[in-house]
Amino acid sequence: GARVETTDFTVESADENKPIGRIDEVDVLPSLNLVYRFSEKTNLRGSFTQTLARPNMREVAPFSLFDFIGAPLFTGNPDLKRTLATNLDLRWELYPNTGEMLAVSTYYKDFTDPIVFSFIPESQNPEIKPVNVPQAIVYGVEVEFRKGLGFISDKLSKFKIFSNVSLIESKVDIREDELAAIRTTEPDFPETRPFQGQSPILVNAGLNFYDFERGIDALLSFNVFGERLAILGNFQTPDVYEQPIPQLDFSFKKTFNERYTIRFTAQNLLNSNFRQTMTFKGQEYNFLEYQRGMSVGLSFAYKI
């Protein structure tokens, strides 16, 4: 099949001397999905798709915006383009029992005009701006499973564990003039850098307890990502990386008489800090750090 998407939006400044930010495009996005069934419990899936990612209005705005948590000034780019992506996916999956699954996936993504955030070298104060780079490539493999614990003991039959782990490689070419400037201070700097915002590893895991008769559904989940590029350096400005943030969350839901529901949630139980760093001549420096804090919620719902 195929889908047609139209993008047409404009961002203007009250200052008529500033350029107008606008994206006006019509895109035809084909897709092909195939499934081969080896048995009632085993499938092989393959797909080819083309997708797009649009910048938001803040990113194409012809003016600057302040971030109130102390991050650098953010300046929009009226010349920003939308990103086109070609995606290839292959997935093998096994369903041994009801509610259980084991899957192995591999994928390849080719981006045209991806959007990254870069420092503005001529700015006197730290200032970042979204820009398009010609190409980026992302590929990787993922393993995912869900498994009930009843095989250990009947007392654990209402418990289920699940996890997925992704290993990812990403590459973005560095412009020749930028690479030459960087190598004046770091001669061994590579010719490519990771795709902005893409972690080399992602881990999610959880333990779920579900009791239909008692109306109880509880979930303890954990996730963490590997170090990922947050802001591109520009010429002799070091790149900024977001450091891993291990997060542990818990939720509990109790239903009474199929109408009343009480839900309790607790997020970021480890109270991990948000931290971005940059490295210069082998020395690591904090670029931005703050404590996110824990979040606790309690809600009540009635179904009519």
C-alpha atoms as a PDB file:
ATOM      1  CA  GLY A   1       0.000   0.000   0.000  1.00  0.00           C
ATOM      2  CA  ALA A   2       0.891   3.673   0.146  1.00  0.00           C
ATOM      3  CA  ARG A   3      -0.206   6.789   1.961  1.00  0.00           C
ATOM      4  CA  VAL A   4      -0.102  10.417   0.926  1.00  0.00           C
ATOM      5  CA  GLU A   5       0.759  13.056   3.525  1.00  0.00           C
ATOM      6  CA  THR A   6       0.569  16.811   3.038  1.00  0.00           C
ATOM      7  CA  THR A   7       2.575  19.168   5.247  1.00  0.00           C
ATOM      8  CA  ASP A   8       1.822  22.888   5.104  1.00  0.00           C
ATOM      9  CA  PHE A   9       2.573  25.204   8.013  1.00  0.00           C
ATOM     10  CA  THR A  10       4.087  28.631   8.479  1.00  0.00           C
ATOM     11  CA  VAL A  11       5.807  30.334  11.415  1.00  0.00           C
ATOM     12  CA  GLU A  12       6.266  34.111  11.282  1.00  0.00           C
ATOM     13  CA  SER A  13       7.846  36.653  13.606  1.00  0.00           C
ATOM     14  CA  ALA A  14       6.262  39.967  14.564  1.00  0.00           C
ATOM     15  CA  ASP A  15       9.471  41.431  13.154  1.00  0.00           C
ATOM     16  CA  GLU A  16       8.763  41.594   9.408  1.00  0.00           C
ATOM     17  CA  ASN A  17      12.488  41.783   8.647  1.00  0.00           C
ATOM     18  CA  LYS A  18      13.012  38.198   9.779  1.00  0.00           C
ATOM     19  CA  PRO A  19      12.566  35.288   7.336  1.00  0.00           C
ATOM     20  CA  ILE A  20       9.418  33.151   7.374  1.00  0.00           C
ATOM     21  CA  GLY A  21       9.709  29.526   8.428  1.00  0.00           C
ATOM     22  CA  ARG A  22       7.579  27.265   6.236  1.00  0.00           C
ATOM     23  CA  ILE A  23       7.312  23.649   5.149  1.00  0.00           C
ATOM     24  CA  ASP A  24       5.025  22.897   2.194  1.00  0.00           C
ATOM     25  CA  GLU A  25       5.417  19.326   0.921  1.00  0.00           C
ATOM     26  CA  VAL A  26       3.324  16.444  -0.454  1.00  0.00           C
ATOM     27  CA  ASP A  27       4.855  13.005   0.142  1.00  0.00           C
ATOM     28  CA  VAL A  28       3.863   9.570  -1.180  1.00  0.00           C
ATOM     29  CA  LEU A  29       4.969   6.940   1.356  1.00  0.00           C
ATOM     30  CA  PRO A  30       4.866   3.315   0.094  1.00  0.00           C
ATOM     31  CA  SER A  31       4.837   0.270   2.362  1.00  0.00           C
ATOM     32  CA  LEU A  32       5.145  -3.478   1.873  1.00  0.00           C
ATOM     33  CA  ASN A  33       4.530  -6.030   4.639  1.00  0.00           C
ATOM     34  CA  LEU A  34       4.932  -9.794   4.293  1.00  0.00           C
ATOM     35  CA  VAL A  35       4.240 -12.591   6.788  1.00  0.00           C
ATOM     36  CA  TYR A  36       5.343 -16.205   6.334  1.00  0.00           C
ATOM     37  CA  ARG A  37       3.806 -18.645   8.809  1.00  0.00           C
ATOM     38  CA  PHE A  38       6.045 -21.619   9.587  1.00  0.00           C
ATOM     39  CA  SER A  39       3.472 -23.068  11.994  1.00  0.00           C
ATOM     40  CA  GLU A  40       0.602 -21.984  14.215  1.00  0.00           C
ATOM     41  CA  LYS A  41       3.147 -20.695  16.730  1.00  0.00           C
ATOM     42  CA  THR A  42       5.934 -19.310  14.524  1.00  0.00           C
ATOM     43  CA  ASN A  43       5.992 -16.391  12.082  1.00  0.00           C
ATOM     44  CA  LEU A  44       8.559 -14.593   9.967  1.00  0.00           C
ATOM     45  CA  ARG A  45       7.710 -10.957   9.195  1.00  0.00           C
ATOM     46  CA  GLY A  46       9.407  -8.614   6.759  1.00  0.00           C
ATOM     47  CA  SER A  47       8.599  -5.033   5.834  1.00  0.00           C
ATOM     48  CA  PHE A  48       9.723  -2.137   3.672  1.00  0.00           C
ATOM     49  CA  THR A  49       8.337   1.306   4.499  1.00  0.00           C
ATOM     50  CA  GLN A  50       9.036   4.935   3.849  1.00  0.00           C
ATOM     51  CA  THR A  51       8.181   7.410   6.597  1.00  0.00           C
ATOM     52  CA  LEU A  52       8.818  11.038   7.458  1.00  0.00           C
ATOM     53  CA  ALA A  53       9.494  13.180  10.505  1.00  0.00           C
ATOM     54  CA  ARG A  54       8.454  16.817  10.634  1.00  0.00           C
ATOM     55  CA  PRO A  55      10.166  19.524  12.659  1.00  0.00           C
ATOM     56  CA  ASN A  56       7.854  21.228  15.113  1.00  0.00           C
ATOM     57  CA  MET A  57       6.977  24.917  14.848  1.00  0.00           C
ATOM     58  CA  ARG A  58       9.464  25.830  17.583  1.00  0.00           C
ATOM     59  CA  GLU A  59      12.277  24.374  15.482  1.00  0.00           C
ATOM     60  CA  VAL A  60      11.462  26.379  12.326  1.00  0.00           C
ATOM     61  CA  ALA A  61      10.599  29.611  14.147  1.00  0.00           C
ATOM     62  CA  PRO A  62      12.696  32.629  12.992  1.00  0.00           C
ATOM     63  CA  PHE A  63      13.488  33.727  16.561  1.00  0.00           C
ATOM     64  CA  SER A  64      15.085  32.543  19.797  1.00  0.00           C
ATOM     65  CA  LEU A  65      13.495  30.961  22.861  1.00  0.00           C
ATOM     66  CA  PHE A  66      14.657  30.718  26.464  1.00  0.00           C
ATOM     67  CA  ASP A  67      14.774  27.468  28.425  1.00  0.00           C
ATOM     68  CA  PHE A  68      13.882  28.148  32.065  1.00  0.00           C
ATOM     69  CA  ILE A  69      15.913  25.275  33.532  1.00  0.00           C
ATOM     70  CA  GLY A  70      19.166  26.934  32.504  1.00  0.00           C
ATOM     71  CA  ALA A  71      19.824  25.188  29.194  1.00  0.00           C
ATOM     72  CA  PRO A  72      21.351  27.167  26.290  1.00  0.00           C
ATOM     73  CA  LEU A  73      19.309  29.630  24.259  1.00  0.00           C
ATOM     74  CA  PHE A  74      17.335  27.829  21.530  1.00  0.00           C
ATOM     75  CA  THR A  75      17.190  29.474  18.092  1.00  0.00           C
ATOM     76  CA  GLY A  76      14.865  28.186  15.381  1.00  0.00           C
ATOM     77  CA  ASN A  77      15.901  27.583  11.781  1.00  0.00           C
ATOM     78  CA  PRO A  78      13.467  28.815   9.059  1.00  0.00           C
ATOM     79  CA  ASP A  79      15.405  26.805   6.426  1.00  0.00           C
ATOM     80  CA  LEU A  80      14.774  23.475   8.172  1.00  0.00           C
ATOM     81  CA  LYS A  81      13.476  20.569   6.014  1.00  0.00           C
ATOM     82  CA  ARG A  82      11.427  17.563   6.981  1.00  0.00           C
ATOM     83  CA  THR A  83      13.228  14.204   7.265  1.00  0.00           C
ATOM     84  CA  LEU A  84      12.538  11.221   4.994  1.00  0.00           C
ATOM     85  CA  ALA A  85      13.363   7.680   6.139  1.00  0.00           C
ATOM     86  CA  THR A  86      13.567   4.327   4.374  1.00  0.00           C
ATOM     87  CA  ASN A  87      13.045   1.374   6.740  1.00  0.00           C
ATOM     88  CA  LEU A  88      13.788  -2.335   6.328  1.00  0.00           C
ATOM     89  CA  ASP A  89      12.680  -4.738   9.080  1.00  0.00           C
ATOM     90  CA  LEU A  90      12.864  -8.507   9.575  1.00  0.00           C
ATOM     91  CA  ARG A  91      11.344 -10.273  12.607  1.00  0.00           C
ATOM     92  CA  TRP A  92      11.116 -13.909  13.702  1.00  0.00           C
ATOM     93  CA  GLU A  93       8.565 -14.608  16.451  1.00  0.00           C
ATOM     94  CA  LEU A  94       7.486 -17.631  18.481  1.00  0.00           C
ATOM     95  CA  TYR A  95       4.321 -17.911  20.633  1.00  0.00           C
ATOM     96  CA  PRO A  96       4.859 -21.048  22.773  1.00  0.00           C
ATOM     97  CA  ASN A  97       1.807 -20.493  25.015  1.00  0.00           C
ATOM     98  CA  THR A  98      -1.016 -18.002  25.460  1.00  0.00           C
ATOM     99  CA  GLY A  99       0.435 -14.653  26.518  1.00  0.00           C
ATOM    100  CA  GLU A 100       4.034 -15.788  25.970  1.00  0.00           C
ATOM    101  CA  MET A 101       6.368 -14.708  23.180  1.00  0.00           C
ATOM    102  CA  LEU A 102       9.956 -14.816  21.981  1.00  0.00           C
ATOM    103  CA  ALA A 103      11.058 -12.595  19.094  1.00  0.00           C
ATOM    104  CA  VAL A 104      14.299 -11.603  17.381  1.00  0.00           C
ATOM    105  CA  SER A 105      14.295  -8.575  15.087  1.00  0.00           C
ATOM    106  CA  THR A 106      16.800  -6.786  12.898  1.00  0.00           C
ATOM    107  CA  TYR A 107      16.344  -3.476  11.126  1.00  0.00           C
ATOM    108  CA  TYR A 108      18.032  -0.897   8.920  1.00  0.00           C
ATOM    109  CA  LYS A 109      17.020   2.769   8.561  1.00  0.00           C
ATOM    110  CA  ASP A 110      18.370   5.319   6.089  1.00  0.00           C
ATOM    111  CA  PHE A 111      17.542   8.983   6.831  1.00  0.00           C
ATOM    112  CA  THR A 112      17.662  11.840   4.327  1.00  0.00           C
ATOM    113  CA  ASP A 113      17.988  15.362   5.778  1.00  0.00           C
ATOM    114  CA  PRO A 114      17.846  14.240   9.441  1.00  0.00           C
ATOM    115  CA  ILE A 115      17.511  17.036  11.998  1.00  0.00           C
ATOM    116  CA  VAL A 116      20.191  17.480  14.659  1.00  0.00           C
ATOM    117  CA  PHE A 117      20.855  20.173  17.259  1.00  0.00           C
ATOM    118  CA  SER A 118      24.137  22.056  16.921  1.00  0.00           C
ATOM    119  CA  PHE A 119      25.933  24.863  18.745  1.00  0.00           C
ATOM    120  CA  ILE A 120      26.130  28.205  16.927  1.00  0.00           C
ATOM    121  CA  PRO A 121      29.886  28.989  16.845  1.00  0.00           C
ATOM    122  CA  GLU A 122      29.541  32.754  16.332  1.00  0.00           C
ATOM    123  CA  SER A 123      27.275  33.171  19.380  1.00  0.00           C
ATOM    124  CA  GLN A 124      28.880  34.781  22.444  1.00  0.00           C
ATOM    125  CA  ASN A 125      26.715  32.729  24.852  1.00  0.00           C
ATOM    126  CA  PRO A 126      25.814  29.018  24.567  1.00  0.00           C
ATOM    127  CA  GLU A 127      23.158  28.797  21.855  1.00  0.00           C
ATOM    128  CA  ILE A 128      21.846  25.790  19.915  1.00  0.00           C
ATOM    129  CA  LYS A 129      20.052  25.557  16.601  1.00  0.00           C
ATOM    130  CA  PRO A 130      18.398  22.687  14.688  1.00  0.00           C
ATOM    131  CA  VAL A 131      20.034  21.943  11.336  1.00  0.00           C
ATOM    132  CA  ASN A 132      19.711  19.312   8.618  1.00  0.00           C
ATOM    133  CA  VAL A 133      22.616  17.014   7.813  1.00  0.00           C
ATOM    134  CA  PRO A 134      22.673  15.095   4.511  1.00  0.00           C
ATOM    135  CA  GLN A 135      22.342  11.513   5.769  1.00  0.00           C
ATOM    136  CA  ALA A 136      22.236   9.215   8.779  1.00  0.00           C
ATOM    137  CA  ILE A 137      22.113   5.428   9.074  1.00  0.00           C
ATOM    138  CA  VAL A 138      20.791   3.354  11.965  1.00  0.00           C
ATOM    139  CA  TYR A 139      20.780  -0.448  12.177  1.00  0.00           C
ATOM    140  CA  GLY A 140      20.490  -2.948  14.964  1.00  0.00           C
ATOM    141  CA  VAL A 141      19.052  -6.088  16.494  1.00  0.00           C
ATOM    142  CA  GLU A 142      16.445  -6.583  19.221  1.00  0.00           C
ATOM    143  CA  VAL A 143      15.527  -9.579  21.386  1.00  0.00           C
ATOM    144  CA  GLU A 144      12.162  -9.584  23.160  1.00  0.00           C
ATOM    145  CA  PHE A 145      10.350 -12.107  25.334  1.00  0.00           C
ATOM    146  CA  ARG A 146       7.358 -12.576  27.650  1.00  0.00           C
ATOM    147  CA  LYS A 147       7.174 -15.603  29.921  1.00  0.00           C
ATOM    148  CA  GLY A 148       4.828 -16.772  32.673  1.00  0.00           C
ATOM    149  CA  LEU A 149       6.384 -18.139  35.878  1.00  0.00           C
ATOM    150  CA  GLY A 150       3.906 -20.968  36.360  1.00  0.00           C
ATOM    151  CA  PHE A 151       6.504 -23.491  35.158  1.00  0.00           C
ATOM    152  CA  ILE A 152       8.458 -22.834  38.382  1.00  0.00           C
ATOM    153  CA  SER A 153       5.515 -23.253  40.759  1.00  0.00           C
ATOM    154  CA  ASP A 154       1.721 -23.093  40.585  1.00  0.00           C
ATOM    155  CA  LYS A 155       1.907 -20.320  43.191  1.00  0.00           C
ATOM    156  CA  LEU A 156       3.671 -18.156  40.576  1.00  0.00           C
ATOM    157  CA  SER A 157       1.186 -18.808  37.772  1.00  0.00           C
ATOM    158  CA  LYS A 158      -0.159 -15.239  37.960  1.00  0.00           C
ATOM    159  CA  PHE A 159       3.293 -13.690  37.559  1.00  0.00           C
ATOM    160  CA  LYS A 160       4.863 -12.870  34.220  1.00  0.00           C
ATOM    161  CA  ILE A 161       8.273 -11.483  33.340  1.00  0.00           C
ATOM    162  CA  PHE A 162       9.130  -9.597  30.170  1.00  0.00           C
ATOM    163  CA  SER A 163      12.136  -7.881  28.659  1.00  0.00           C
ATOM    164  CA  ASN A 164      13.546  -6.485  25.459  1.00  0.00           C
ATOM    165  CA  VAL A 165      17.141  -5.572  24.678  1.00  0.00           C
ATOM    166  CA  SER A 166      18.289  -3.610  21.612  1.00  0.00           C
ATOM    167  CA  LEU A 167      21.837  -3.214  20.318  1.00  0.00           C
ATOM    168  CA  ILE A 168      22.099  -0.339  17.854  1.00  0.00           C
ATOM    169  CA  GLU A 169      24.743   1.153  15.598  1.00  0.00           C
ATOM    170  CA  SER A 170      24.276   4.634  14.142  1.00  0.00           C
ATOM    171  CA  LYS A 171      26.433   6.894  11.975  1.00  0.00           C
ATOM    172  CA  VAL A 172      26.241  10.480  10.788  1.00  0.00           C
ATOM    173  CA  ASP A 173      28.924  11.990   8.556  1.00  0.00           C
ATOM    174  CA  ILE A 174      30.748  15.072   9.853  1.00  0.00           C
ATOM    175  CA  ARG A 175      31.260  17.934   7.411  1.00  0.00           C
ATOM    176  CA  GLU A 176      34.858  18.214   6.184  1.00  0.00           C
ATOM    177  CA  ASP A 177      35.350  21.792   7.404  1.00  0.00           C
ATOM    178  CA  GLU A 178      33.982  20.915  10.844  1.00  0.00           C
ATOM    179  CA  LEU A 179      36.113  17.763  11.070  1.00  0.00           C
ATOM    180  CA  ALA A 180      39.262  19.726  10.161  1.00  0.00           C
ATOM    181  CA  ALA A 181      38.545  22.282  12.905  1.00  0.00           C
ATOM    182  CA  ILE A 182      37.861  19.583  15.519  1.00  0.00           C
ATOM    183  CA  ARG A 183      41.101  17.777  14.688  1.00  0.00           C
ATOM    184  CA  THR A 184      43.152  20.874  15.470  1.00  0.00           C
ATOM    185  CA  THR A 185      42.556  20.065  19.153  1.00  0.00           C
ATOM    186  CA  GLU A 186      41.655  16.335  18.913  1.00  0.00           C
ATOM    187  CA  PRO A 187      43.712  14.799  16.064  1.00  0.00           C
ATOM    188  CA  ASP A 188      42.187  11.311  16.492  1.00  0.00           C
ATOM    189  CA  PHE A 189      38.553  12.431  16.295  1.00  0.00           C
ATOM    190  CA  PRO A 190      36.619   9.966  14.030  1.00  0.00           C
ATOM    191  CA  GLU A 191      35.085  10.894  10.669  1.00  0.00           C
ATOM    192  CA  THR A 192      31.569  10.036  11.849  1.00  0.00           C
ATOM    193  CA  ARG A 193      29.603  10.529  15.039  1.00  0.00           C
ATOM    194  CA  PRO A 194      26.549   8.685  16.434  1.00  0.00           C
ATOM    195  CA  PHE A 195      23.087   9.761  15.311  1.00  0.00           C
ATOM    196  CA  GLN A 196      21.798  12.366  17.715  1.00  0.00           C
ATOM    197  CA  GLY A 197      19.432  10.948  20.332  1.00  0.00           C
ATOM    198  CA  GLN A 198      20.216   7.324  19.472  1.00  0.00           C
ATOM    199  CA  SER A 199      21.564   5.097  22.251  1.00  0.00           C
ATOM    200  CA  PRO A 200      23.828   2.136  21.407  1.00  0.00           C
ATOM    201  CA  ILE A 201      21.859  -0.052  23.843  1.00  0.00           C
ATOM    202  CA  LEU A 202      18.317  -0.039  25.242  1.00  0.00           C
ATOM    203  CA  VAL A 203      17.137  -2.334  28.053  1.00  0.00           C
ATOM    204  CA  ASN A 204      13.588  -2.745  29.348  1.00  0.00           C
ATOM    205  CA  ALA A 205      12.450  -5.359  31.854  1.00  0.00           C
ATOM    206  CA  GLY A 206       9.497  -5.906  34.129  1.00  0.00           C
ATOM    207  CA  LEU A 207       7.535  -8.143  36.450  1.00  0.00           C
ATOM    208  CA  ASN A 208       3.733  -8.248  36.145  1.00  0.00           C
ATOM    209  CA  PHE A 209       1.177  -9.737  38.552  1.00  0.00           C
ATOM    210  CA  TYR A 210      -2.368 -10.144  37.210  1.00  0.00           C
ATOM    211  CA  ASP A 211      -5.286 -11.671  39.138  1.00  0.00           C
ATOM    212  CA  PHE A 212      -8.509 -11.451  37.131  1.00  0.00           C
ATOM    213  CA  GLU A 213     -10.732 -12.847  39.885  1.00  0.00           C
ATOM    214  CA  ARG A 214      -9.517 -10.326  42.478  1.00  0.00           C
ATOM    215  CA  GLY A 215      -9.236  -7.452  39.994  1.00  0.00           C
ATOM    216  CA  ILE A 216      -5.556  -6.819  40.702  1.00  0.00           C
ATOM    217  CA  ASP A 217      -2.980  -5.725  38.148  1.00  0.00           C
ATOM    218  CA  ALA A 218       0.495  -4.751  39.431  1.00  0.00           C
ATOM    219  CA  LEU A 219       3.607  -3.902  37.434  1.00  0.00           C
ATOM    220  CA  LEU A 220       7.231  -3.257  38.368  1.00  0.00           C
ATOM    221  CA  SER A 221       9.272  -2.039  35.399  1.00  0.00           C
ATOM    222  CA  PHE A 222      12.875  -1.029  34.804  1.00  0.00           C
ATOM    223  CA  ASN A 223      14.487   0.666  31.824  1.00  0.00           C
ATOM    224  CA  VAL A 224      17.830   2.215  30.975  1.00  0.00           C
ATOM    225  CA  PHE A 225      19.535   3.498  27.842  1.00  0.00           C
ATOM    226  CA  GLY A 226      23.192   3.808  26.889  1.00  0.00           C
ATOM    227  CA  GLU A 227      25.050   7.107  26.608  1.00  0.00           C
ATOM    228  CA  ARG A 228      23.579   9.090  23.696  1.00  0.00           C
ATOM    229  CA  LEU A 229      24.513  12.199  21.764  1.00  0.00           C
ATOM    230  CA  ALA A 230      22.348  15.141  22.867  1.00  0.00           C
ATOM    231  CA  ILE A 231      23.816  18.240  21.185  1.00  0.00           C
ATOM    232  CA  LEU A 232      26.319  18.384  18.340  1.00  0.00           C
ATOM    233  CA  GLY A 233      29.418  20.414  18.869  1.00  0.00           C
ATOM    234  CA  ASN A 234      30.249  22.940  16.173  1.00  0.00           C
ATOM    235  CA  PHE A 235      33.834  23.107  14.963  1.00  0.00           C
ATOM    236  CA  GLN A 236      35.912  23.318  18.169  1.00  0.00           C
ATOM    237  CA  THR A 237      32.982  22.987  20.595  1.00  0.00           C
ATOM    238  CA  PRO A 238      32.794  19.459  22.142  1.00  0.00           C
ATOM    239  CA  ASP A 239      29.734  17.273  21.607  1.00  0.00           C
ATOM    240  CA  VAL A 240      27.297  16.972  24.531  1.00  0.00           C
ATOM    241  CA  TYR A 241      26.195  13.484  25.627  1.00  0.00           C
ATOM    242  CA  GLU A 242      23.246  12.497  27.811  1.00  0.00           C
ATOM    243  CA  GLN A 243      24.313   9.950  30.410  1.00  0.00           C
ATOM    244  CA  PRO A 244      22.333   6.771  31.218  1.00  0.00           C
ATOM    245  CA  ILE A 245      19.354   7.260  33.546  1.00  0.00           C
ATOM    246  CA  PRO A 246      18.227   3.972  35.140  1.00  0.00           C
ATOM    247  CA  GLN A 247      14.527   4.258  35.955  1.00  0.00           C
ATOM    248  CA  LEU A 248      12.369   2.022  38.156  1.00  0.00           C
ATOM    249  CA  ASP A 249       8.569   2.466  38.134  1.00  0.00           C
ATOM    250  CA  PHE A 250       5.710   0.747  39.957  1.00  0.00           C
ATOM    251  CA  SER A 251       1.962   0.722  39.356  1.00  0.00           C
ATOM    252  CA  PHE A 252      -0.919  -1.013  41.137  1.00  0.00           C
ATOM    253  CA  LYS A 253      -4.548  -1.178  39.996  1.00  0.00           C
ATOM    254  CA  LYS A 254      -7.483  -2.662  41.913  1.00  0.00           C
ATOM    255  CA  THR A 255     -10.964  -3.038  40.400  1.00  0.00           C
ATOM    256  CA  PHE A 256     -14.097  -3.439  42.527  1.00  0.00           C
ATOM    257  CA  ASN A 257     -17.386  -4.793  41.118  1.00  0.00           C
ATOM    258  CA  GLU A 258     -16.177  -4.069  37.565  1.00  0.00           C
ATOM    259  CA  ARG A 259     -17.049  -0.378  38.074  1.00  0.00           C
ATOM    260  CA  TYR A 260     -14.712   1.120  40.655  1.00  0.00           C
ATOM    261  CA  THR A 261     -10.967   1.317  40.058  1.00  0.00           C
ATOM    262  CA  ILE A 262      -8.187   2.610  42.289  1.00  0.00           C
ATOM    263  CA  ARG A 263      -4.762   3.151  40.724  1.00  0.00           C
ATOM    264  CA  PHE A 264      -1.470   3.926  42.465  1.00  0.00           C
ATOM    265  CA  THR A 265       1.688   4.878  40.542  1.00  0.00           C
ATOM    266  CA  ALA A 266       5.250   5.637  41.612  1.00  0.00           C
ATOM    267  CA  GLN A 267       7.815   6.728  39.026  1.00  0.00           C
ATOM    268  CA  ASN A 268      11.591   7.107  39.181  1.00  0.00           C
ATOM    269  CA  LEU A 269      11.940   5.209  42.452  1.00  0.00           C
ATOM    270  CA  LEU A 270      15.735   5.288  42.061  1.00  0.00           C
ATOM    271  CA  ASN A 271      15.600   9.105  41.903  1.00  0.00           C
ATOM    272  CA  SER A 272      18.242   9.142  39.162  1.00  0.00           C
ATOM    273  CA  ASN A 273      19.668  12.484  38.067  1.00  0.00           C
ATOM    274  CA  PHE A 274      19.439  13.890  34.546  1.00  0.00           C
ATOM    275  CA  ARG A 275      23.004  14.617  33.421  1.00  0.00           C
ATOM    276  CA  GLN A 276      24.618  15.849  30.212  1.00  0.00           C
ATOM    277  CA  THR A 277      28.411  15.956  29.824  1.00  0.00           C
ATOM    278  CA  MET A 278      31.094  17.021  27.365  1.00  0.00           C
ATOM    279  CA  THR A 279      34.669  15.762  27.095  1.00  0.00           C
ATOM    280  CA  PHE A 280      37.625  17.970  26.173  1.00  0.00           C
ATOM    281  CA  LYS A 281      41.189  16.674  25.958  1.00  0.00           C
ATOM    282  CA  GLY A 282      40.275  13.578  27.946  1.00  0.00           C
ATOM    283  CA  GLN A 283      38.592  15.507  30.789  1.00  0.00           C
ATOM    284  CA  GLU A 284      34.823  15.157  31.347  1.00  0.00           C
ATOM    285  CA  TYR A 285      32.790  18.236  32.308  1.00  0.00           C
ATOM    286  CA  ASN A 286      29.161  18.557  33.374  1.00  0.00           C
ATOM    287  CA  PHE A 287      27.135  20.523  30.830  1.00  0.00           C
ATOM    288  CA  LEU A 288      23.736  20.245  32.583  1.00  0.00           C
ATOM    289  CA  GLU A 289      22.614  18.300  35.648  1.00  0.00           C
ATOM    290  CA  TYR A 290      19.527  18.315  37.809  1.00  0.00           C
ATOM    291  CA  GLN A 291      17.569  15.985  40.065  1.00  0.00           C
ATOM    292  CA  ARG A 292      14.331  14.848  38.446  1.00  0.00           C
ATOM    293  CA  GLY A 293      12.733  13.666  41.688  1.00  0.00           C
ATOM    294  CA  MET A 294      10.167  10.922  42.249  1.00  0.00           C
ATOM    295  CA  SER A 295       6.539  11.121  41.164  1.00  0.00           C
ATOM    296  CA  VAL A 296       3.690   9.489  43.107  1.00  0.00           C
ATOM    297  CA  GLY A 297       0.045   9.430  42.056  1.00  0.00           C
ATOM    298  CA  LEU A 298      -3.269   8.088  43.295  1.00  0.00           C
ATOM    299  CA  SER A 299      -6.454   8.073  41.199  1.00  0.00           C
ATOM    300  CA  PHE A 300     -10.020   6.802  41.439  1.00  0.00           C
ATOM    301  CA  ALA A 301     -12.318   5.959  38.529  1.00  0.00           C
ATOM    302  CA  TYR A 302     -15.965   4.969  38.217  1.00  0.00           C
ATOM    303  CA  LYS A 303     -17.290   3.272  35.061  1.00  0.00           C
ATOM    304  CA  ILE A 304     -20.875   4.196  34.157  1.00  0.00           C
END
